[in-house]
Amino acid sequence: MTPALYRVRAPFFWRNMIGLALCSSIPLGVYGYTWYILNKDEFSDIPIPPISDSELAKLKKEYEESKS
């Protein structure tokens, strides 16, 4: 960039930074709010069906095979 381009852009630097802060605060606020709400959620009210030992062994075997 040439010195002339730096001089032309200089008056707009802080206004651009304020605009960037405003435009980036909206998605960050939504992300933070979502994170806050989802971290409060508990899944203790969802029943977990019992699993037999043979099914558990089968699932472990499938998991080990898919891992390697």
N, C-alpha and C. Protein backbone atom coordinates (compact mmCIF):
# COMPACT_ATOMS: atom_id res chain seq x y z
N MET A 1 0.84 -1.18 0.00
CA MET A 1 0.00 0.00 0.00
C MET A 1 0.88 1.24 0.00
N THR A 2 0.44 2.20 -0.70
CA THR A 2 1.20 3.45 -0.80
C THR A 2 0.88 4.37 0.37
N PRO A 3 1.75 5.33 0.65
CA PRO A 3 1.47 6.29 1.72
C PRO A 3 0.17 7.06 1.49
N ALA A 4 -0.16 7.33 0.24
CA ALA A 4 -1.40 8.05 -0.06
C ALA A 4 -2.61 7.22 0.35
N LEU A 5 -2.55 5.94 0.13
CA LEU A 5 -3.66 5.08 0.50
C LEU A 5 -3.82 5.02 2.02
N TYR A 6 -2.69 5.00 2.74
CA TYR A 6 -2.76 5.05 4.22
C TYR A 6 -3.44 6.35 4.68
N ARG A 7 -3.06 7.48 4.06
CA ARG A 7 -3.65 8.76 4.45
C ARG A 7 -5.14 8.82 4.16
N VAL A 8 -5.57 8.23 3.05
CA VAL A 8 -6.99 8.27 2.69
C VAL A 8 -7.80 7.39 3.64
N ARG A 9 -7.24 6.28 4.05
CA ARG A 9 -7.97 5.36 4.92
C ARG A 9 -7.94 5.75 6.38
N ALA A 10 -7.02 6.59 6.79
CA ALA A 10 -6.83 6.93 8.20
C ALA A 10 -8.06 7.50 8.88
N PRO A 11 -8.82 8.43 8.27
CA PRO A 11 -9.98 8.98 8.97
C PRO A 11 -11.09 7.96 9.24
N PHE A 12 -11.10 6.88 8.51
CA PHE A 12 -12.16 5.88 8.65
C PHE A 12 -11.79 4.72 9.55
N PHE A 13 -10.56 4.70 10.05
CA PHE A 13 -10.08 3.54 10.81
C PHE A 13 -10.95 3.26 12.04
N TRP A 14 -11.17 4.28 12.88
CA TRP A 14 -11.89 4.03 14.12
C TRP A 14 -13.37 3.74 13.88
N ARG A 15 -13.94 4.40 12.88
CA ARG A 15 -15.35 4.10 12.55
C ARG A 15 -15.47 2.66 12.04
N ASN A 16 -14.50 2.23 11.26
CA ASN A 16 -14.52 0.85 10.78
C ASN A 16 -14.34 -0.14 11.94
N MET A 17 -13.49 0.20 12.89
CA MET A 17 -13.30 -0.68 14.04
C MET A 17 -14.57 -0.78 14.89
N ILE A 18 -15.28 0.33 15.04
CA ILE A 18 -16.55 0.32 15.79
C ILE A 18 -17.57 -0.52 15.04
N GLY A 19 -17.63 -0.37 13.72
CA GLY A 19 -18.55 -1.18 12.92
C GLY A 19 -18.20 -2.66 13.00
N LEU A 20 -16.91 -2.96 12.98
CA LEU A 20 -16.48 -4.36 13.12
C LEU A 20 -16.89 -4.92 14.47
N ALA A 21 -16.71 -4.12 15.52
CA ALA A 21 -17.08 -4.57 16.86
C ALA A 21 -18.59 -4.82 16.95
N LEU A 22 -19.39 -3.93 16.38
CA LEU A 22 -20.84 -4.11 16.41
C LEU A 22 -21.27 -5.33 15.60
N CYS A 23 -20.71 -5.47 14.42
CA CYS A 23 -21.10 -6.60 13.56
C CYS A 23 -20.63 -7.94 14.11
N SER A 24 -19.51 -7.96 14.80
CA SER A 24 -19.02 -9.23 15.35
C SER A 24 -19.64 -9.53 16.71
N SER A 25 -20.17 -8.51 17.40
CA SER A 25 -20.77 -8.77 18.71
C SER A 25 -22.09 -9.51 18.60
N ILE A 26 -22.81 -9.34 17.51
CA ILE A 26 -24.09 -10.04 17.36
C ILE A 26 -23.89 -11.54 17.27
N PRO A 27 -23.06 -12.07 16.35
CA PRO A 27 -22.87 -13.53 16.33
C PRO A 27 -22.22 -14.06 17.60
N LEU A 28 -21.28 -13.29 18.17
CA LEU A 28 -20.64 -13.74 19.40
C LEU A 28 -21.63 -13.77 20.55
N GLY A 29 -22.54 -12.81 20.60
CA GLY A 29 -23.58 -12.81 21.62
C GLY A 29 -24.52 -13.99 21.48
N VAL A 30 -24.90 -14.30 20.26
CA VAL A 30 -25.77 -15.46 20.02
C VAL A 30 -25.05 -16.74 20.42
N TYR A 31 -23.78 -16.85 20.04
CA TYR A 31 -23.00 -18.04 20.39
C TYR A 31 -22.87 -18.17 21.90
N GLY A 32 -22.56 -17.08 22.58
CA GLY A 32 -22.41 -17.12 24.03
C GLY A 32 -23.71 -17.47 24.73
N TYR A 33 -24.81 -16.88 24.27
CA TYR A 33 -26.12 -17.19 24.86
C TYR A 33 -26.47 -18.66 24.65
N THR A 34 -26.23 -19.18 23.46
CA THR A 34 -26.50 -20.59 23.17
C THR A 34 -25.66 -21.48 24.06
N TRP A 35 -24.39 -21.16 24.21
CA TRP A 35 -23.49 -21.94 25.06
C TRP A 35 -24.00 -21.93 26.51
N TYR A 36 -24.42 -20.77 26.98
CA TYR A 36 -24.91 -20.64 28.35
C TYR A 36 -26.17 -21.48 28.56
N ILE A 37 -27.10 -21.42 27.64
CA ILE A 37 -28.36 -22.16 27.77
C ILE A 37 -28.12 -23.66 27.67
N LEU A 38 -27.28 -24.09 26.74
CA LEU A 38 -27.06 -25.53 26.56
C LEU A 38 -26.26 -26.13 27.70
N ASN A 39 -25.41 -25.36 28.35
CA ASN A 39 -24.66 -25.90 29.48
C ASN A 39 -25.54 -26.11 30.70
N LYS A 40 -26.66 -25.41 30.79
CA LYS A 40 -27.58 -25.60 31.91
C LYS A 40 -28.45 -26.85 31.72
N ASP A 41 -28.53 -27.35 30.49
CA ASP A 41 -29.41 -28.47 30.19
C ASP A 41 -28.86 -29.74 30.81
N GLU A 42 -29.73 -30.47 31.47
CA GLU A 42 -29.36 -31.77 32.04
C GLU A 42 -30.17 -32.84 31.34
N PHE A 43 -29.56 -33.97 31.15
CA PHE A 43 -30.24 -35.06 30.49
C PHE A 43 -30.62 -36.16 31.48
N SER A 44 -30.74 -35.80 32.75
CA SER A 44 -31.06 -36.80 33.76
C SER A 44 -32.51 -37.26 33.66
N ASP A 45 -33.36 -36.49 33.01
CA ASP A 45 -34.75 -36.89 32.88
C ASP A 45 -34.98 -37.85 31.71
N ILE A 46 -33.96 -38.11 30.91
CA ILE A 46 -34.09 -39.04 29.78
C ILE A 46 -33.70 -40.43 30.27
N PRO A 47 -34.62 -41.37 30.20
CA PRO A 47 -34.30 -42.72 30.68
C PRO A 47 -33.32 -43.42 29.75
N ILE A 48 -32.38 -44.13 30.34
CA ILE A 48 -31.41 -44.91 29.58
C ILE A 48 -31.83 -46.37 29.69
N PRO A 49 -32.11 -47.00 28.56
CA PRO A 49 -32.54 -48.40 28.64
C PRO A 49 -31.40 -49.30 29.10
N PRO A 50 -31.72 -50.32 29.86
CA PRO A 50 -30.67 -51.24 30.30
C PRO A 50 -30.11 -52.01 29.10
N ILE A 51 -28.83 -52.34 29.18
CA ILE A 51 -28.18 -53.07 28.10
C ILE A 51 -27.55 -54.34 28.68
N SER A 52 -27.70 -55.41 27.96
CA SER A 52 -27.17 -56.69 28.45
C SER A 52 -25.66 -56.73 28.21
N ASP A 53 -24.99 -57.63 28.92
CA ASP A 53 -23.54 -57.75 28.79
C ASP A 53 -23.14 -58.20 27.40
N SER A 54 -23.94 -59.06 26.78
CA SER A 54 -23.59 -59.53 25.43
C SER A 54 -23.71 -58.38 24.42
N GLU A 55 -24.73 -57.55 24.55
CA GLU A 55 -24.86 -56.39 23.65
C GLU A 55 -23.72 -55.41 23.86
N LEU A 56 -23.34 -55.22 25.12
CA LEU A 56 -22.24 -54.32 25.42
C LEU A 56 -20.94 -54.81 24.81
N ALA A 57 -20.69 -56.12 24.91
CA ALA A 57 -19.48 -56.70 24.32
C ALA A 57 -19.50 -56.53 22.80
N LYS A 58 -20.66 -56.71 22.19
CA LYS A 58 -20.79 -56.56 20.73
C LYS A 58 -20.51 -55.11 20.32
N LEU A 59 -21.06 -54.18 21.07
CA LEU A 59 -20.84 -52.77 20.75
C LEU A 59 -19.38 -52.37 20.94
N LYS A 60 -18.75 -52.88 21.98
CA LYS A 60 -17.32 -52.59 22.19
C LYS A 60 -16.48 -53.14 21.05
N LYS A 61 -16.83 -54.35 20.59
CA LYS A 61 -16.10 -54.95 19.49
C LYS A 61 -16.26 -54.12 18.22
N GLU A 62 -17.50 -53.68 17.92
CA GLU A 62 -17.73 -52.85 16.75
C GLU A 62 -16.96 -51.53 16.85
N TYR A 63 -16.91 -50.97 18.04
CA TYR A 63 -16.20 -49.71 18.23
C TYR A 63 -14.70 -49.89 18.02
N GLU A 64 -14.15 -50.95 18.54
CA GLU A 64 -12.72 -51.20 18.36
C GLU A 64 -12.37 -51.44 16.88
N GLU A 65 -13.26 -52.14 16.17
CA GLU A 65 -13.02 -52.40 14.75
C GLU A 65 -13.10 -51.09 13.94
N SER A 66 -14.04 -50.23 14.29
CA SER A 66 -14.17 -48.98 13.54
C SER A 66 -13.02 -48.02 13.85
N LYS A 67 -12.44 -48.15 15.06
CA LYS A 67 -11.34 -47.29 15.45
C LYS A 67 -10.05 -47.62 14.67
N SER A 68 -9.87 -48.87 14.40
CA SER A 68 -8.62 -49.29 13.72
C SER A 68 -8.77 -49.42 12.24
